[in-house]
Amino acid sequence: MEESDVSLPKATITKMVKEMLPADMRCATECMDMLMDCCTEFIQLLSSEANDLAGKDNKSTITPVHVERALDQLGFEEWARDVKQHHEEYKKDQKEAPKLANRKTKAEIEGLTEDEQVRAAAGPAAAAVRSAAAAFTSGS
C-alpha cells in the first residue's frame, strides 16, 4: 500500500489543532501537513504493533487490550492507562444505556393504537387536509 493511499481526514486534524491552539495563533500549511503525516504514521505504527500482538494471541481481531499493550510496548505507558480508563468508562456506559430493542416510543408509552400513532405522526397538516377534503366534498 502506498503512502498516499492512507491518510486521516484533514478537516478532523485541522479542527483538533485549531481547538488546541490559542485564539491568536495559526498553524502554517506546511506544519499542518507535517502533523497529518505524523498522526498517520503513529496510527500505522500503533495498529501494526497491536496486530502483531493479536497474532501472537492467535486472534484475528485487534481488541482494546491489544491496543493498550501496544501503547505500553511503544513507550506510551501513560496513554495506555488513559485508554484503559476511557475504555472501562465506555463499557460501563454501554451496560447502563437502554437497549434499542427495549425502547418504546412516546405513542407506545401513552398506549395509542397503531392507527392513532400514524395520525399523531402525520400531525396538523394531515388534519388540515382531511378537513379541507371534507369541506370540499360537502360543498359539492
N, C-alpha and C. Protein backbone atom coordinates (compact mmCIF):
# COMPACT_ATOMS: atom_id res chain seq x y z
N MET A 1 0.84 -1.17 0.00
CA MET A 1 0.00 0.00 0.00
C MET A 1 0.90 1.24 0.00
N GLU A 2 0.64 2.16 -0.91
CA GLU A 2 1.45 3.36 -0.99
C GLU A 2 1.10 4.34 0.12
N GLU A 3 2.05 5.21 0.43
CA GLU A 3 1.85 6.20 1.48
C GLU A 3 0.66 7.10 1.20
N SER A 4 0.44 7.45 -0.07
CA SER A 4 -0.65 8.34 -0.42
C SER A 4 -2.02 7.67 -0.31
N ASP A 5 -2.03 6.34 -0.20
CA ASP A 5 -3.28 5.61 -0.09
C ASP A 5 -3.89 5.70 1.30
N VAL A 6 -3.10 6.07 2.28
CA VAL A 6 -3.56 6.07 3.66
C VAL A 6 -3.36 7.45 4.26
N SER A 7 -4.44 8.02 4.78
CA SER A 7 -4.33 9.30 5.48
C SER A 7 -5.55 9.48 6.37
N LEU A 8 -5.44 10.45 7.24
CA LEU A 8 -6.54 10.78 8.14
C LEU A 8 -7.32 11.95 7.54
N PRO A 9 -8.56 12.12 7.94
CA PRO A 9 -9.34 13.25 7.42
C PRO A 9 -8.69 14.59 7.80
N LYS A 10 -8.32 15.36 6.80
CA LYS A 10 -7.62 16.62 7.03
C LYS A 10 -8.48 17.57 7.87
N ALA A 11 -9.76 17.62 7.61
CA ALA A 11 -10.64 18.53 8.35
C ALA A 11 -10.65 18.19 9.84
N THR A 12 -10.63 16.92 10.16
CA THR A 12 -10.65 16.49 11.56
C THR A 12 -9.36 16.91 12.27
N ILE A 13 -8.23 16.65 11.64
CA ILE A 13 -6.94 17.02 12.24
C ILE A 13 -6.85 18.54 12.37
N THR A 14 -7.25 19.26 11.34
CA THR A 14 -7.22 20.73 11.37
C THR A 14 -8.07 21.26 12.51
N LYS A 15 -9.25 20.71 12.67
CA LYS A 15 -10.14 21.16 13.75
C LYS A 15 -9.51 20.90 15.12
N MET A 16 -8.94 19.72 15.30
CA MET A 16 -8.30 19.40 16.58
C MET A 16 -7.15 20.35 16.88
N VAL A 17 -6.34 20.63 15.88
CA VAL A 17 -5.20 21.53 16.08
C VAL A 17 -5.70 22.93 16.43
N LYS A 18 -6.67 23.42 15.69
CA LYS A 18 -7.20 24.77 15.95
C LYS A 18 -7.80 24.87 17.35
N GLU A 19 -8.46 23.82 17.82
CA GLU A 19 -9.04 23.84 19.16
C GLU A 19 -7.98 23.88 20.25
N MET A 20 -6.80 23.35 19.96
CA MET A 20 -5.74 23.30 20.96
C MET A 20 -4.87 24.55 20.97
N LEU A 21 -4.87 25.29 19.88
CA LEU A 21 -4.05 26.49 19.78
C LEU A 21 -4.74 27.68 20.44
N PRO A 22 -3.96 28.64 20.96
CA PRO A 22 -4.56 29.88 21.45
C PRO A 22 -5.28 30.59 20.29
N ALA A 23 -6.27 31.41 20.61
CA ALA A 23 -7.08 32.06 19.59
C ALA A 23 -6.25 32.94 18.65
N ASP A 24 -5.17 33.50 19.13
CA ASP A 24 -4.37 34.41 18.31
C ASP A 24 -3.24 33.72 17.55
N MET A 25 -3.25 32.39 17.53
CA MET A 25 -2.16 31.66 16.86
C MET A 25 -2.72 30.85 15.70
N ARG A 26 -1.93 30.78 14.63
CA ARG A 26 -2.31 29.99 13.46
C ARG A 26 -1.27 28.90 13.22
N CYS A 27 -1.64 27.94 12.43
CA CYS A 27 -0.72 26.85 12.09
C CYS A 27 -0.47 26.90 10.59
N ALA A 28 0.80 27.01 10.20
CA ALA A 28 1.15 27.08 8.78
C ALA A 28 0.75 25.79 8.06
N THR A 29 0.47 25.91 6.79
CA THR A 29 0.06 24.76 5.98
C THR A 29 1.10 23.65 6.03
N GLU A 30 2.38 24.03 5.94
CA GLU A 30 3.45 23.02 5.98
C GLU A 30 3.45 22.30 7.33
N CYS A 31 3.19 23.05 8.38
CA CYS A 31 3.13 22.45 9.72
C CYS A 31 1.95 21.49 9.83
N MET A 32 0.80 21.91 9.28
CA MET A 32 -0.39 21.04 9.32
C MET A 32 -0.13 19.76 8.53
N ASP A 33 0.53 19.87 7.39
CA ASP A 33 0.87 18.68 6.60
C ASP A 33 1.79 17.75 7.37
N MET A 34 2.76 18.34 8.07
CA MET A 34 3.68 17.54 8.87
C MET A 34 2.94 16.82 10.01
N LEU A 35 2.02 17.55 10.67
CA LEU A 35 1.24 16.94 11.74
C LEU A 35 0.38 15.79 11.21
N MET A 36 -0.21 15.99 10.03
CA MET A 36 -1.02 14.93 9.42
C MET A 36 -0.16 13.69 9.16
N ASP A 37 1.03 13.92 8.62
CA ASP A 37 1.93 12.79 8.35
C ASP A 37 2.31 12.07 9.65
N CYS A 38 2.59 12.85 10.69
CA CYS A 38 2.97 12.25 11.99
C CYS A 38 1.80 11.44 12.58
N CYS A 39 0.61 11.99 12.52
CA CYS A 39 -0.57 11.29 13.05
C CYS A 39 -0.81 9.99 12.29
N THR A 40 -0.70 10.06 10.98
CA THR A 40 -0.90 8.86 10.15
C THR A 40 0.15 7.81 10.47
N GLU A 41 1.40 8.24 10.59
CA GLU A 41 2.49 7.32 10.91
C GLU A 41 2.28 6.69 12.28
N PHE A 42 1.87 7.49 13.26
CA PHE A 42 1.63 6.98 14.61
C PHE A 42 0.53 5.91 14.60
N ILE A 43 -0.56 6.17 13.92
CA ILE A 43 -1.66 5.21 13.88
C ILE A 43 -1.24 3.93 13.15
N GLN A 44 -0.45 4.08 12.09
CA GLN A 44 0.04 2.89 11.39
C GLN A 44 0.97 2.07 12.29
N LEU A 45 1.83 2.74 13.01
CA LEU A 45 2.75 2.06 13.93
C LEU A 45 1.97 1.35 15.04
N LEU A 46 1.02 2.07 15.65
CA LEU A 46 0.22 1.50 16.73
C LEU A 46 -0.61 0.32 16.25
N SER A 47 -1.27 0.47 15.10
CA SER A 47 -2.10 -0.63 14.60
C SER A 47 -1.25 -1.84 14.19
N SER A 48 -0.06 -1.58 13.66
CA SER A 48 0.83 -2.68 13.30
C SER A 48 1.28 -3.45 14.55
N GLU A 49 1.65 -2.72 15.59
CA GLU A 49 2.07 -3.36 16.84
C GLU A 49 0.90 -4.13 17.47
N ALA A 50 -0.29 -3.52 17.48
CA ALA A 50 -1.46 -4.19 18.04
C ALA A 50 -1.82 -5.43 17.22
N ASN A 51 -1.65 -5.36 15.91
CA ASN A 51 -1.91 -6.50 15.05
C ASN A 51 -0.94 -7.64 15.35
N ASP A 52 0.34 -7.30 15.55
CA ASP A 52 1.33 -8.32 15.91
C ASP A 52 0.96 -9.00 17.23
N LEU A 53 0.53 -8.21 18.19
CA LEU A 53 0.13 -8.77 19.49
C LEU A 53 -1.10 -9.67 19.35
N ALA A 54 -2.04 -9.24 18.54
CA ALA A 54 -3.23 -10.08 18.31
C ALA A 54 -2.82 -11.39 17.65
N GLY A 55 -1.91 -11.32 16.69
CA GLY A 55 -1.42 -12.53 16.03
C GLY A 55 -0.75 -13.49 17.00
N LYS A 56 0.04 -12.94 17.93
CA LYS A 56 0.69 -13.77 18.94
C LYS A 56 -0.32 -14.45 19.86
N ASP A 57 -1.49 -13.80 20.03
CA ASP A 57 -2.57 -14.38 20.83
C ASP A 57 -3.49 -15.27 20.00
N ASN A 58 -3.09 -15.53 18.75
CA ASN A 58 -3.90 -16.32 17.81
C ASN A 58 -5.31 -15.72 17.63
N LYS A 59 -5.37 -14.40 17.57
CA LYS A 59 -6.63 -13.69 17.36
C LYS A 59 -6.58 -13.00 16.00
N SER A 60 -7.71 -12.95 15.33
CA SER A 60 -7.76 -12.26 14.04
C SER A 60 -8.37 -10.87 14.16
N THR A 61 -8.75 -10.49 15.36
CA THR A 61 -9.33 -9.17 15.61
C THR A 61 -8.52 -8.45 16.68
N ILE A 62 -8.18 -7.20 16.40
CA ILE A 62 -7.47 -6.37 17.39
C ILE A 62 -8.49 -5.91 18.42
N THR A 63 -8.20 -6.12 19.68
CA THR A 63 -9.09 -5.70 20.76
C THR A 63 -8.47 -4.51 21.50
N PRO A 64 -9.25 -3.84 22.34
CA PRO A 64 -8.69 -2.74 23.14
C PRO A 64 -7.48 -3.17 23.97
N VAL A 65 -7.48 -4.40 24.44
CA VAL A 65 -6.33 -4.90 25.23
C VAL A 65 -5.07 -4.90 24.37
N HIS A 66 -5.19 -5.28 23.10
CA HIS A 66 -4.04 -5.28 22.20
C HIS A 66 -3.52 -3.85 21.99
N VAL A 67 -4.43 -2.91 21.87
CA VAL A 67 -4.02 -1.50 21.70
C VAL A 67 -3.32 -1.00 22.96
N GLU A 68 -3.86 -1.34 24.13
CA GLU A 68 -3.24 -0.94 25.39
C GLU A 68 -1.82 -1.52 25.50
N ARG A 69 -1.69 -2.80 25.19
CA ARG A 69 -0.37 -3.45 25.26
C ARG A 69 0.59 -2.86 24.24
N ALA A 70 0.07 -2.53 23.04
CA ALA A 70 0.92 -1.93 22.01
C ALA A 70 1.42 -0.56 22.46
N LEU A 71 0.55 0.22 23.09
CA LEU A 71 0.97 1.53 23.61
C LEU A 71 2.07 1.35 24.65
N ASP A 72 1.90 0.36 25.54
CA ASP A 72 2.93 0.06 26.54
C ASP A 72 4.26 -0.27 25.88
N GLN A 73 4.21 -1.18 24.91
CA GLN A 73 5.44 -1.64 24.27
C GLN A 73 6.13 -0.54 23.46
N LEU A 74 5.34 0.42 22.98
CA LEU A 74 5.92 1.51 22.20
C LEU A 74 6.39 2.67 23.09
N GLY A 75 6.22 2.51 24.41
CA GLY A 75 6.71 3.53 25.33
C GLY A 75 5.69 4.59 25.72
N PHE A 76 4.42 4.32 25.44
CA PHE A 76 3.35 5.27 25.78
C PHE A 76 2.51 4.73 26.92
N GLU A 77 3.19 4.38 28.03
CA GLU A 77 2.51 3.76 29.17
C GLU A 77 1.39 4.64 29.73
N GLU A 78 1.64 5.95 29.81
CA GLU A 78 0.62 6.86 30.35
C GLU A 78 -0.62 6.88 29.45
N TRP A 79 -0.39 6.88 28.16
CA TRP A 79 -1.53 6.85 27.23
C TRP A 79 -2.28 5.53 27.37
N ALA A 80 -1.55 4.44 27.58
CA ALA A 80 -2.18 3.14 27.75
C ALA A 80 -3.12 3.15 28.95
N ARG A 81 -2.67 3.78 30.05
CA ARG A 81 -3.54 3.89 31.23
C ARG A 81 -4.78 4.71 30.92
N ASP A 82 -4.60 5.82 30.19
CA ASP A 82 -5.74 6.66 29.82
C ASP A 82 -6.72 5.90 28.91
N VAL A 83 -6.18 5.16 27.95
CA VAL A 83 -7.03 4.38 27.04
C VAL A 83 -7.82 3.34 27.83
N LYS A 84 -7.14 2.67 28.74
CA LYS A 84 -7.81 1.65 29.56
C LYS A 84 -8.92 2.28 30.40
N GLN A 85 -8.65 3.42 31.00
CA GLN A 85 -9.64 4.10 31.82
C GLN A 85 -10.86 4.51 30.98
N HIS A 86 -10.62 5.10 29.81
CA HIS A 86 -11.72 5.51 28.95
C HIS A 86 -12.50 4.31 28.43
N HIS A 87 -11.80 3.22 28.15
CA HIS A 87 -12.49 2.02 27.69
C HIS A 87 -13.38 1.45 28.79
N GLU A 88 -12.90 1.45 30.02
CA GLU A 88 -13.72 0.98 31.15
C GLU A 88 -14.97 1.85 31.31
N GLU A 89 -14.80 3.17 31.19
CA GLU A 89 -15.95 4.08 31.28
C GLU A 89 -16.94 3.81 30.15
N TYR A 90 -16.42 3.56 28.95
CA TYR A 90 -17.27 3.27 27.80
C TYR A 90 -18.08 1.99 28.03
N LYS A 91 -17.40 0.94 28.52
CA LYS A 91 -18.10 -0.32 28.78
C LYS A 91 -19.19 -0.13 29.83
N LYS A 92 -18.89 0.65 30.86
CA LYS A 92 -19.86 0.92 31.92
C LYS A 92 -21.07 1.67 31.35
N ASP A 93 -20.81 2.69 30.52
CA ASP A 93 -21.90 3.45 29.90
C ASP A 93 -22.75 2.56 29.00
N GLN A 94 -22.12 1.64 28.29
CA GLN A 94 -22.85 0.75 27.40
C GLN A 94 -23.76 -0.19 28.17
N LYS A 95 -23.30 -0.64 29.33
CA LYS A 95 -24.13 -1.53 30.15
C LYS A 95 -25.33 -0.79 30.71
N GLU A 96 -25.14 0.50 31.04
CA GLU A 96 -26.22 1.28 31.63
C GLU A 96 -27.18 1.84 30.60
N ALA A 97 -26.76 1.94 29.34
CA ALA A 97 -27.61 2.51 28.29
C ALA A 97 -28.75 1.55 27.99
N PRO A 98 -29.96 2.09 27.80
CA PRO A 98 -31.08 1.22 27.47
C PRO A 98 -30.87 0.59 26.10
N LYS A 99 -31.26 -0.64 26.00
CA LYS A 99 -31.10 -1.36 24.73
C LYS A 99 -32.12 -0.82 23.73
N LEU A 100 -31.71 -0.68 22.48
CA LEU A 100 -32.56 -0.14 21.44
C LEU A 100 -33.83 -0.96 21.27
N ALA A 101 -33.72 -2.28 21.37
CA ALA A 101 -34.89 -3.14 21.19
C ALA A 101 -35.92 -2.95 22.30
N ASN A 102 -35.47 -2.52 23.47
CA ASN A 102 -36.38 -2.36 24.60
C ASN A 102 -36.97 -0.96 24.71
N ARG A 103 -36.55 -0.04 23.85
CA ARG A 103 -37.06 1.32 23.90
C ARG A 103 -38.48 1.38 23.35
N LYS A 104 -39.28 2.20 23.96
CA LYS A 104 -40.65 2.39 23.48
C LYS A 104 -40.82 3.81 23.00
N THR A 105 -41.67 3.97 21.99
CA THR A 105 -41.96 5.30 21.50
C THR A 105 -42.91 5.99 22.48
N LYS A 106 -43.03 7.30 22.33
CA LYS A 106 -43.93 8.06 23.18
C LYS A 106 -45.36 7.54 23.01
N ALA A 107 -45.74 7.23 21.77
CA ALA A 107 -47.08 6.72 21.48
C ALA A 107 -47.32 5.39 22.17
N GLU A 108 -46.31 4.52 22.17
CA GLU A 108 -46.45 3.22 22.83
C GLU A 108 -46.59 3.40 24.33
N ILE A 109 -45.83 4.33 24.89
CA ILE A 109 -45.91 4.60 26.32
C ILE A 109 -47.30 5.13 26.68
N GLU A 110 -47.85 5.97 25.79
CA GLU A 110 -49.18 6.54 26.04
C GLU A 110 -50.30 5.56 25.71
N GLY A 111 -49.98 4.41 25.12
CA GLY A 111 -50.96 3.37 24.85
C GLY A 111 -51.81 3.63 23.62
N LEU A 112 -51.27 4.33 22.62
CA LEU A 112 -52.02 4.61 21.40
C LEU A 112 -52.01 3.39 20.48
N THR A 113 -53.09 3.23 19.73
CA THR A 113 -53.14 2.16 18.74
C THR A 113 -52.24 2.54 17.57
N GLU A 114 -52.00 1.58 16.67
CA GLU A 114 -51.15 1.86 15.52
C GLU A 114 -51.76 2.96 14.65
N ASP A 115 -53.08 2.92 14.45
CA ASP A 115 -53.76 3.94 13.65
C ASP A 115 -53.62 5.32 14.30
N GLU A 116 -53.77 5.36 15.62
CA GLU A 116 -53.64 6.63 16.34
C GLU A 116 -52.20 7.15 16.26
N GLN A 117 -51.23 6.22 16.27
CA GLN A 117 -49.84 6.62 16.15
C GLN A 117 -49.57 7.25 14.78
N VAL A 118 -50.16 6.65 13.72
CA VAL A 118 -49.98 7.18 12.37
C VAL A 118 -50.59 8.58 12.27
N ARG A 119 -51.80 8.74 12.81
CA ARG A 119 -52.45 10.06 12.79
C ARG A 119 -51.63 11.08 13.58
N ALA A 120 -51.11 10.66 14.72
CA ALA A 120 -50.32 11.58 15.54
C ALA A 120 -49.03 11.98 14.82
N ALA A 121 -48.44 11.03 14.09
CA ALA A 121 -47.21 11.31 13.36
C ALA A 121 -47.47 12.25 12.19
N ALA A 122 -48.64 12.12 11.58
CA ALA A 122 -48.99 12.98 10.45
C ALA A 122 -49.19 14.42 10.90
N GLY A 123 -49.67 14.59 12.11
CA GLY A 123 -49.77 15.92 12.70
C GLY A 123 -50.86 16.79 12.13
N PRO A 124 -50.76 18.09 12.38
CA PRO A 124 -51.79 19.04 11.99
C PRO A 124 -51.97 19.16 10.49
N ALA A 125 -50.92 18.93 9.71
CA ALA A 125 -51.05 19.05 8.26
C ALA A 125 -52.05 18.04 7.73
N ALA A 126 -51.99 16.81 8.23
CA ALA A 126 -52.93 15.78 7.78
C ALA A 126 -54.34 16.14 8.21
N ALA A 127 -54.50 16.69 9.41
CA ALA A 127 -55.82 17.09 9.88
C ALA A 127 -56.38 18.20 8.99
N ALA A 128 -55.54 19.13 8.57
CA ALA A 128 -55.98 20.21 7.70
C ALA A 128 -56.41 19.67 6.34
N VAL A 129 -55.67 18.69 5.82
CA VAL A 129 -56.03 18.09 4.53
C VAL A 129 -57.36 17.36 4.65
N ARG A 130 -57.54 16.60 5.74
CA ARG A 130 -58.83 15.90 5.94
C ARG A 130 -59.97 16.88 6.05
N SER A 131 -59.74 17.97 6.76
CA SER A 131 -60.78 18.99 6.94
C SER A 131 -61.13 19.65 5.60
N ALA A 132 -60.11 19.98 4.83
CA ALA A 132 -60.35 20.59 3.52
C ALA A 132 -61.06 19.63 2.60
N ALA A 133 -60.70 18.35 2.65
CA ALA A 133 -61.34 17.36 1.81
C ALA A 133 -62.80 17.20 2.20
N ALA A 134 -63.08 17.21 3.50
CA ALA A 134 -64.44 17.09 3.97
C ALA A 134 -65.26 18.30 3.53
N ALA A 135 -64.68 19.49 3.63
CA ALA A 135 -65.39 20.71 3.21
C ALA A 135 -65.65 20.70 1.73
N PHE A 136 -64.71 20.22 0.94
CA PHE A 136 -64.86 20.17 -0.50
C PHE A 136 -65.97 19.20 -0.91
N THR A 137 -65.98 18.02 -0.27
CA THR A 137 -66.98 17.01 -0.63
C THR A 137 -68.36 17.43 -0.13
N SER A 138 -68.47 18.12 0.98
CA SER A 138 -69.79 18.52 1.46
C SER A 138 -70.30 19.71 0.68
N GLY A 139 -69.41 20.49 0.09
CA GLY A 139 -69.80 21.66 -0.69
C GLY A 139 -70.25 21.32 -2.10
N SER A 140 -70.04 20.09 -2.57
CA SER A 140 -70.39 19.71 -3.93
C SER A 140 -71.85 19.44 -4.08
